[in-house]
Amino acid sequence: MATRPSKEIETFANPRPERDYEIQMECPEFTCVCPKTGQPDFATIRISYVPDQLCVELKSVKLYLWSYRDEGAFHEAAINKILDDLVAACRPRKMTVVGDFNVRGGIHTTVSATHGP
């Protein structure tokens, strides 16, 4: 069975919900498409969060991020949507998503969005 991009984010029960601890993920192969030019944008996506009752399953995050490959999205919209979708899936105590986009047109862009205190 082939692996395919997916908008579904799977979760599992936090093994230590009584404790605050941080989970960090990094995806250096994120791609989306510029909605104005159709050119590909490349970025490293960094996700850090303090789980509450649920944790996100890593493979589903990979497939979710992969689903952006052919979508037109401004950097700011993509990062905020990723944060919104992850927060909706796992309801963390705190989460930050950072998109560190490769240089395009001589400009390097980093977008950061945070949920929680």
C-alpha atoms as a PDB file:
ATOM      1  CA  MET A   1       0.000   0.000   0.000  1.00  0.00           C
ATOM      2  CA  ALA A   2       1.399   3.377  -1.023  1.00  0.00           C
ATOM      3  CA  THR A   3       1.761   6.158   1.504  1.00  0.00           C
ATOM      4  CA  ARG A   4      -0.207   9.243   0.508  1.00  0.00           C
ATOM      5  CA  PRO A   5      -0.580  12.789   1.805  1.00  0.00           C
ATOM      6  CA  SER A   6      -3.420  13.217   4.276  1.00  0.00           C
ATOM      7  CA  LYS A   7      -5.180  16.010   6.148  1.00  0.00           C
ATOM      8  CA  GLU A   8      -5.963  13.597   9.012  1.00  0.00           C
ATOM      9  CA  ILE A   9      -3.850  14.069  12.133  1.00  0.00           C
ATOM     10  CA  GLU A  10      -3.855  11.019  14.380  1.00  0.00           C
ATOM     11  CA  THR A  11      -3.347  11.161  18.134  1.00  0.00           C
ATOM     12  CA  PHE A  12      -2.671   8.829  21.029  1.00  0.00           C
ATOM     13  CA  ALA A  13      -3.081   9.100  24.796  1.00  0.00           C
ATOM     14  CA  ASN A  14      -0.390  11.109  26.569  1.00  0.00           C
ATOM     15  CA  PRO A  15       1.535   8.606  28.719  1.00  0.00           C
ATOM     16  CA  ARG A  16       2.205  11.271  31.406  1.00  0.00           C
ATOM     17  CA  PRO A  17      -0.657  13.811  31.335  1.00  0.00           C
ATOM     18  CA  GLU A  18       0.073  14.913  34.913  1.00  0.00           C
ATOM     19  CA  ARG A  19       3.500  16.255  33.887  1.00  0.00           C
ATOM     20  CA  ASP A  20       4.463  19.197  31.702  1.00  0.00           C
ATOM     21  CA  TYR A  21       7.050  18.135  29.142  1.00  0.00           C
ATOM     22  CA  GLU A  22       7.864  19.395  25.681  1.00  0.00           C
ATOM     23  CA  ILE A  23       7.811  17.489  22.406  1.00  0.00           C
ATOM     24  CA  GLN A  24       9.765  18.918  19.483  1.00  0.00           C
ATOM     25  CA  MET A  25       9.520  17.908  15.834  1.00  0.00           C
ATOM     26  CA  GLU A  26      11.380  19.163  12.796  1.00  0.00           C
ATOM     27  CA  CYS A  27      10.499  18.621   9.157  1.00  0.00           C
ATOM     28  CA  PRO A  28      13.241  19.959   6.867  1.00  0.00           C
ATOM     29  CA  GLU A  29      11.400  18.911   3.683  1.00  0.00           C
ATOM     30  CA  PHE A  30       8.219  21.017   3.770  1.00  0.00           C
ATOM     31  CA  THR A  31       7.030  22.330   0.417  1.00  0.00           C
ATOM     32  CA  CYS A  32       4.066  24.351  -0.726  1.00  0.00           C
ATOM     33  CA  VAL A  33       3.368  26.503  -3.764  1.00  0.00           C
ATOM     34  CA  CYS A  34       3.361  30.285  -3.983  1.00  0.00           C
ATOM     35  CA  PRO A  35      -0.259  31.286  -4.731  1.00  0.00           C
ATOM     36  CA  LYS A  36       0.884  34.230  -6.875  1.00  0.00           C
ATOM     37  CA  THR A  37       3.618  32.654  -9.017  1.00  0.00           C
ATOM     38  CA  GLY A  38       3.007  28.912  -8.746  1.00  0.00           C
ATOM     39  CA  GLN A  39       6.666  28.416  -7.824  1.00  0.00           C
ATOM     40  CA  PRO A  40       7.535  25.949  -5.071  1.00  0.00           C
ATOM     41  CA  ASP A  41       8.424  27.205  -1.610  1.00  0.00           C
ATOM     42  CA  PHE A  42      10.695  25.119   0.623  1.00  0.00           C
ATOM     43  CA  ALA A  43      10.907  25.348   4.399  1.00  0.00           C
ATOM     44  CA  THR A  44      11.883  23.658   7.611  1.00  0.00           C
ATOM     45  CA  ILE A  45       8.863  23.351   9.888  1.00  0.00           C
ATOM     46  CA  ARG A  46       9.539  23.196  13.631  1.00  0.00           C
ATOM     47  CA  ILE A  47       6.766  22.167  15.980  1.00  0.00           C
ATOM     48  CA  SER A  48       7.097  22.246  19.744  1.00  0.00           C
ATOM     49  CA  TYR A  49       4.300  21.569  22.189  1.00  0.00           C
ATOM     50  CA  VAL A  50       3.383  20.667  25.735  1.00  0.00           C
ATOM     51  CA  PRO A  51       0.722  17.955  25.454  1.00  0.00           C
ATOM     52  CA  ASP A  52      -2.341  17.713  27.637  1.00  0.00           C
ATOM     53  CA  GLN A  53      -4.362  14.501  27.221  1.00  0.00           C
ATOM     54  CA  LEU A  54      -3.246  13.681  23.663  1.00  0.00           C
ATOM     55  CA  CYS A  55      -0.028  13.537  21.653  1.00  0.00           C
ATOM     56  CA  VAL A  56       0.163  13.699  17.858  1.00  0.00           C
ATOM     57  CA  GLU A  57       1.370  10.633  16.011  1.00  0.00           C
ATOM     58  CA  LEU A  58       4.541  11.436  14.041  1.00  0.00           C
ATOM     59  CA  LYS A  59       3.777   9.645  10.767  1.00  0.00           C
ATOM     60  CA  SER A  60       0.408  11.395  10.532  1.00  0.00           C
ATOM     61  CA  VAL A  61       2.176  14.751  11.009  1.00  0.00           C
ATOM     62  CA  LYS A  62       4.566  13.846   8.182  1.00  0.00           C
ATOM     63  CA  LEU A  63       1.662  12.937   5.872  1.00  0.00           C
ATOM     64  CA  TYR A  64      -0.243  16.061   6.927  1.00  0.00           C
ATOM     65  CA  LEU A  65       2.707  18.330   6.114  1.00  0.00           C
ATOM     66  CA  TRP A  66       3.183  16.468   2.846  1.00  0.00           C
ATOM     67  CA  SER A  67      -0.398  17.391   1.897  1.00  0.00           C
ATOM     68  CA  TYR A  68       0.731  21.008   1.388  1.00  0.00           C
ATOM     69  CA  ARG A  69       3.065  20.047  -1.466  1.00  0.00           C
ATOM     70  CA  ASP A  70       0.690  21.070  -4.267  1.00  0.00           C
ATOM     71  CA  GLU A  71      -1.318  23.700  -2.389  1.00  0.00           C
ATOM     72  CA  GLY A  72      -1.010  27.401  -2.973  1.00  0.00           C
ATOM     73  CA  ALA A  73      -0.448  29.117   0.363  1.00  0.00           C
ATOM     74  CA  PHE A  74       1.256  32.240   1.604  1.00  0.00           C
ATOM     75  CA  HIS A  75       3.837  31.470   4.304  1.00  0.00           C
ATOM     76  CA  GLU A  76       1.801  33.233   6.975  1.00  0.00           C
ATOM     77  CA  ALA A  77      -1.392  31.372   6.084  1.00  0.00           C
ATOM     78  CA  ALA A  78       0.322  27.979   5.942  1.00  0.00           C
ATOM     79  CA  ILE A  79       1.941  28.287   9.378  1.00  0.00           C
ATOM     80  CA  ASN A  80      -1.240  29.543  11.051  1.00  0.00           C
ATOM     81  CA  LYS A  81      -3.303  26.763   9.411  1.00  0.00           C
ATOM     82  CA  ILE A  82      -0.807  24.110  10.531  1.00  0.00           C
ATOM     83  CA  LEU A  83      -1.013  25.445  14.089  1.00  0.00           C
ATOM     84  CA  ASP A  84      -4.828  25.553  13.997  1.00  0.00           C
ATOM     85  CA  ASP A  85      -5.104  21.994  12.691  1.00  0.00           C
ATOM     86  CA  LEU A  86      -2.607  20.556  15.199  1.00  0.00           C
ATOM     87  CA  VAL A  87      -4.274  22.370  18.104  1.00  0.00           C
ATOM     88  CA  ALA A  88      -7.692  21.085  16.991  1.00  0.00           C
ATOM     89  CA  ALA A  89      -6.335  17.525  16.835  1.00  0.00           C
ATOM     90  CA  CYS A  90      -4.558  17.290  20.199  1.00  0.00           C
ATOM     91  CA  ARG A  91      -5.610  20.309  22.327  1.00  0.00           C
ATOM     92  CA  PRO A  92      -2.131  20.931  23.778  1.00  0.00           C
ATOM     93  CA  ARG A  93      -1.372  23.123  26.774  1.00  0.00           C
ATOM     94  CA  LYS A  94       0.955  25.124  24.546  1.00  0.00           C
ATOM     95  CA  MET A  95       2.166  24.826  20.956  1.00  0.00           C
ATOM     96  CA  THR A  96       4.417  26.807  18.628  1.00  0.00           C
ATOM     97  CA  VAL A  97       4.863  26.229  14.898  1.00  0.00           C
ATOM     98  CA  VAL A  98       7.766  27.893  13.103  1.00  0.00           C
ATOM     99  CA  GLY A  99       8.246  27.937   9.347  1.00  0.00           C
ATOM    100  CA  ASP A 100      11.804  28.762   8.307  1.00  0.00           C
ATOM    101  CA  PHE A 101      11.419  29.336   4.571  1.00  0.00           C
ATOM    102  CA  ASN A 102      14.298  29.183   2.112  1.00  0.00           C
ATOM    103  CA  VAL A 103      15.456  32.383   0.459  1.00  0.00           C
ATOM    104  CA  ARG A 104      13.345  33.444  -2.507  1.00  0.00           C
ATOM    105  CA  GLY A 105      13.861  36.671  -4.395  1.00  0.00           C
ATOM    106  CA  GLY A 106      16.634  37.599  -1.974  1.00  0.00           C
ATOM    107  CA  ILE A 107      14.351  37.442   1.098  1.00  0.00           C
ATOM    108  CA  HIS A 108      14.515  34.895   3.903  1.00  0.00           C
ATOM    109  CA  THR A 109      11.237  34.503   5.793  1.00  0.00           C
ATOM    110  CA  THR A 110      10.533  32.958   9.185  1.00  0.00           C
ATOM    111  CA  VAL A 111       6.943  32.779  10.449  1.00  0.00           C
ATOM    112  CA  SER A 112       6.089  31.754  14.011  1.00  0.00           C
ATOM    113  CA  ALA A 113       2.618  31.180  15.488  1.00  0.00           C
ATOM    114  CA  THR A 114       1.832  30.200  19.101  1.00  0.00           C
ATOM    115  CA  HIS A 115      -1.163  28.789  20.940  1.00  0.00           C
ATOM    116  CA  GLY A 116      -1.458  29.038  24.712  1.00  0.00           C
ATOM    117  CA  PRO A 117       0.473  30.825  27.437  1.00  0.00           C
END
